[in-house]
């Protein structure tokens, strides 16, 4: 898969108010995530390294003990196993990248 058209990728519900269009290679999961205004990403952790790039909106993002207001252009790095959570202050769009592949997200699409 050399090129991907986002609108042709199935949208999948991840949590209440949070949907995504994910693509998977042999080594990573990459996706565009929509977070509705007021949606809460509950605190969780996973064994994957994660990068989140803010595309649109404002998001309160907590990684471990650090809280930041994420705005367009900012990138967050979440090391494996570190608890994190978020709350959308507006409708938000982010790109998420996970290594290794998020098998749980692959199963949601199937």
C-alpha atoms as a PDB file:
ATOM      1  CA  UNK A   1       0.000   0.000   0.000  1.00  0.00           C
ATOM      2  CA  UNK A   2       2.048   2.944  -1.297  1.00  0.00           C
ATOM      3  CA  UNK A   3      -0.660   5.609  -1.082  1.00  0.00           C
ATOM      4  CA  UNK A   4      -3.727   5.931   1.115  1.00  0.00           C
ATOM      5  CA  UNK A   5      -6.879   7.979   0.546  1.00  0.00           C
ATOM      6  CA  UNK A   6      -8.163   8.829   4.028  1.00  0.00           C
ATOM      7  CA  UNK A   7     -11.823   9.051   3.021  1.00  0.00           C
ATOM      8  CA  UNK A   8     -11.690   5.487   1.698  1.00  0.00           C
ATOM      9  CA  UNK A   9     -10.485   4.032   5.025  1.00  0.00           C
ATOM     10  CA  UNK A  10     -13.243   2.725   7.279  1.00  0.00           C
ATOM     11  CA  UNK A  11     -13.935   4.953  10.295  1.00  0.00           C
ATOM     12  CA  UNK A  12     -13.826   3.023  13.567  1.00  0.00           C
ATOM     13  CA  UNK A  13     -15.177   4.025  17.009  1.00  0.00           C
ATOM     14  CA  UNK A  14     -12.402   3.808  19.618  1.00  0.00           C
ATOM     15  CA  UNK A  15     -14.165   5.347  22.646  1.00  0.00           C
ATOM     16  CA  UNK A  16     -17.276   7.455  23.143  1.00  0.00           C
ATOM     17  CA  UNK A  17     -16.778  10.582  21.042  1.00  0.00           C
ATOM     18  CA  UNK A  18     -13.535   9.315  19.471  1.00  0.00           C
ATOM     19  CA  UNK A  19     -13.313   7.770  15.990  1.00  0.00           C
ATOM     20  CA  UNK A  20     -10.342   6.993  13.776  1.00  0.00           C
ATOM     21  CA  UNK A  21      -9.237   5.879  10.348  1.00  0.00           C
ATOM     22  CA  UNK A  22      -6.251   3.570  10.931  1.00  0.00           C
ATOM     23  CA  UNK A  23      -3.743   1.996   8.551  1.00  0.00           C
ATOM     24  CA  UNK A  24      -1.328  -0.753   9.559  1.00  0.00           C
ATOM     25  CA  UNK A  25       2.028  -1.862   8.205  1.00  0.00           C
ATOM     26  CA  UNK A  26       4.106  -4.753   9.476  1.00  0.00           C
ATOM     27  CA  UNK A  27       5.722  -2.420  12.032  1.00  0.00           C
ATOM     28  CA  UNK A  28       3.362   0.387  12.976  1.00  0.00           C
ATOM     29  CA  UNK A  29      -0.162   1.721  13.161  1.00  0.00           C
ATOM     30  CA  UNK A  30      -0.908   5.202  11.844  1.00  0.00           C
ATOM     31  CA  UNK A  31      -4.222   7.002  11.850  1.00  0.00           C
ATOM     32  CA  UNK A  32      -6.232  10.181  11.710  1.00  0.00           C
ATOM     33  CA  UNK A  33      -8.340  10.515  14.849  1.00  0.00           C
ATOM     34  CA  UNK A  34     -11.409  12.726  15.354  1.00  0.00           C
ATOM     35  CA  UNK A  35     -12.199  13.734  18.935  1.00  0.00           C
ATOM     36  CA  UNK A  36     -15.554  15.405  19.515  1.00  0.00           C
ATOM     37  CA  UNK A  37     -15.772  18.589  21.583  1.00  0.00           C
ATOM     38  CA  UNK A  38     -15.910  17.596  25.266  1.00  0.00           C
ATOM     39  CA  UNK A  39     -14.888  13.964  24.654  1.00  0.00           C
ATOM     40  CA  UNK A  40     -12.659  12.383  27.264  1.00  0.00           C
ATOM     41  CA  UNK A  41      -9.933   9.883  26.510  1.00  0.00           C
ATOM     42  CA  UNK A  42      -9.787   7.910  29.754  1.00  0.00           C
ATOM     43  CA  UNK A  43      -6.441   7.314  31.428  1.00  0.00           C
ATOM     44  CA  UNK A  44      -4.815   4.227  29.981  1.00  0.00           C
ATOM     45  CA  UNK A  45      -1.448   2.839  28.973  1.00  0.00           C
ATOM     46  CA  UNK A  46      -0.210   0.338  26.421  1.00  0.00           C
ATOM     47  CA  UNK A  47       3.075  -1.331  25.474  1.00  0.00           C
ATOM     48  CA  UNK A  48       3.332   0.761  22.294  1.00  0.00           C
ATOM     49  CA  UNK A  49       5.422   3.873  21.750  1.00  0.00           C
ATOM     50  CA  UNK A  50       3.086   6.632  20.515  1.00  0.00           C
ATOM     51  CA  UNK A  51       3.441   9.972  18.776  1.00  0.00           C
ATOM     52  CA  UNK A  52       0.429  12.302  18.491  1.00  0.00           C
ATOM     53  CA  UNK A  53       0.507  15.332  16.157  1.00  0.00           C
ATOM     54  CA  UNK A  54      -2.175  17.939  16.731  1.00  0.00           C
ATOM     55  CA  UNK A  55      -3.796  18.966  13.438  1.00  0.00           C
ATOM     56  CA  UNK A  56      -6.823  20.977  14.556  1.00  0.00           C
ATOM     57  CA  UNK A  57      -8.461  22.040  17.810  1.00  0.00           C
ATOM     58  CA  UNK A  58      -7.403  22.302  21.447  1.00  0.00           C
ATOM     59  CA  UNK A  59      -6.795  19.275  23.655  1.00  0.00           C
ATOM     60  CA  UNK A  60      -5.795  18.987  27.317  1.00  0.00           C
ATOM     61  CA  UNK A  61      -3.302  16.121  27.208  1.00  0.00           C
ATOM     62  CA  UNK A  62      -1.768  14.418  30.247  1.00  0.00           C
ATOM     63  CA  UNK A  63       1.275  12.153  29.935  1.00  0.00           C
ATOM     64  CA  UNK A  64       2.308  10.718  33.285  1.00  0.00           C
ATOM     65  CA  UNK A  65       2.329  13.702  35.670  1.00  0.00           C
ATOM     66  CA  UNK A  66       2.662  16.356  32.943  1.00  0.00           C
ATOM     67  CA  UNK A  67      -0.349  18.219  31.500  1.00  0.00           C
ATOM     68  CA  UNK A  68      -0.137  20.354  28.337  1.00  0.00           C
ATOM     69  CA  UNK A  69      -2.635  22.242  26.230  1.00  0.00           C
ATOM     70  CA  UNK A  70      -2.111  20.771  22.760  1.00  0.00           C
ATOM     71  CA  UNK A  71      -2.719  23.074  19.796  1.00  0.00           C
ATOM     72  CA  UNK A  72      -2.085  22.640  16.051  1.00  0.00           C
ATOM     73  CA  UNK A  73       1.534  21.922  15.208  1.00  0.00           C
ATOM     74  CA  UNK A  74       2.392  20.386  18.584  1.00  0.00           C
ATOM     75  CA  UNK A  75       3.546  16.772  18.914  1.00  0.00           C
ATOM     76  CA  UNK A  76       3.311  14.567  22.014  1.00  0.00           C
ATOM     77  CA  UNK A  77       5.513  11.524  22.639  1.00  0.00           C
ATOM     78  CA  UNK A  78       4.195   8.770  24.913  1.00  0.00           C
ATOM     79  CA  UNK A  79       6.761   6.122  25.867  1.00  0.00           C
ATOM     80  CA  UNK A  80       5.584   2.509  26.230  1.00  0.00           C
ATOM     81  CA  UNK A  81       3.661   1.828  29.446  1.00  0.00           C
ATOM     82  CA  UNK A  82       3.216   5.476  30.489  1.00  0.00           C
ATOM     83  CA  UNK A  83      -0.347   6.377  31.573  1.00  0.00           C
ATOM     84  CA  UNK A  84      -1.975   9.161  29.548  1.00  0.00           C
ATOM     85  CA  UNK A  85      -5.381  10.800  29.110  1.00  0.00           C
ATOM     86  CA  UNK A  86      -6.975  13.737  27.317  1.00  0.00           C
ATOM     87  CA  UNK A  87     -10.008  16.008  27.161  1.00  0.00           C
ATOM     88  CA  UNK A  88     -11.105  17.839  24.000  1.00  0.00           C
ATOM     89  CA  UNK A  89     -11.783  21.545  24.554  1.00  0.00           C
ATOM     90  CA  UNK A  90     -12.974  21.817  20.930  1.00  0.00           C
ATOM     91  CA  UNK A  91     -13.479  19.349  18.110  1.00  0.00           C
ATOM     92  CA  UNK A  92      -9.998  17.970  17.439  1.00  0.00           C
ATOM     93  CA  UNK A  93      -8.174  16.083  14.729  1.00  0.00           C
ATOM     94  CA  UNK A  94      -4.832  14.378  15.412  1.00  0.00           C
ATOM     95  CA  UNK A  95      -2.510  11.967  13.670  1.00  0.00           C
ATOM     96  CA  UNK A  96      -1.457   9.063  15.907  1.00  0.00           C
ATOM     97  CA  UNK A  97       1.463   6.738  15.203  1.00  0.00           C
ATOM     98  CA  UNK A  98       2.111   3.577  17.253  1.00  0.00           C
ATOM     99  CA  UNK A  99       5.021   1.148  17.255  1.00  0.00           C
ATOM    100  CA  UNK A 100       4.602  -1.791  17.194  1.00  0.00           C
ATOM    101  CA  UNK A 101       1.292  -2.359  15.401  1.00  0.00           C
ATOM    102  CA  UNK A 102      -1.859  -1.910  17.515  1.00  0.00           C
ATOM    103  CA  UNK A 103      -3.359  -5.371  17.038  1.00  0.00           C
ATOM    104  CA  UNK A 104      -6.351  -4.309  19.178  1.00  0.00           C
ATOM    105  CA  UNK A 105      -7.171  -1.531  16.695  1.00  0.00           C
ATOM    106  CA  UNK A 106      -6.747  -3.911  13.748  1.00  0.00           C
ATOM    107  CA  UNK A 107      -9.362  -6.189  15.343  1.00  0.00           C
ATOM    108  CA  UNK A 108     -11.815  -3.282  15.766  1.00  0.00           C
ATOM    109  CA  UNK A 109     -11.804  -2.736  11.998  1.00  0.00           C
ATOM    110  CA  UNK A 110     -12.361  -6.415  11.143  1.00  0.00           C
END
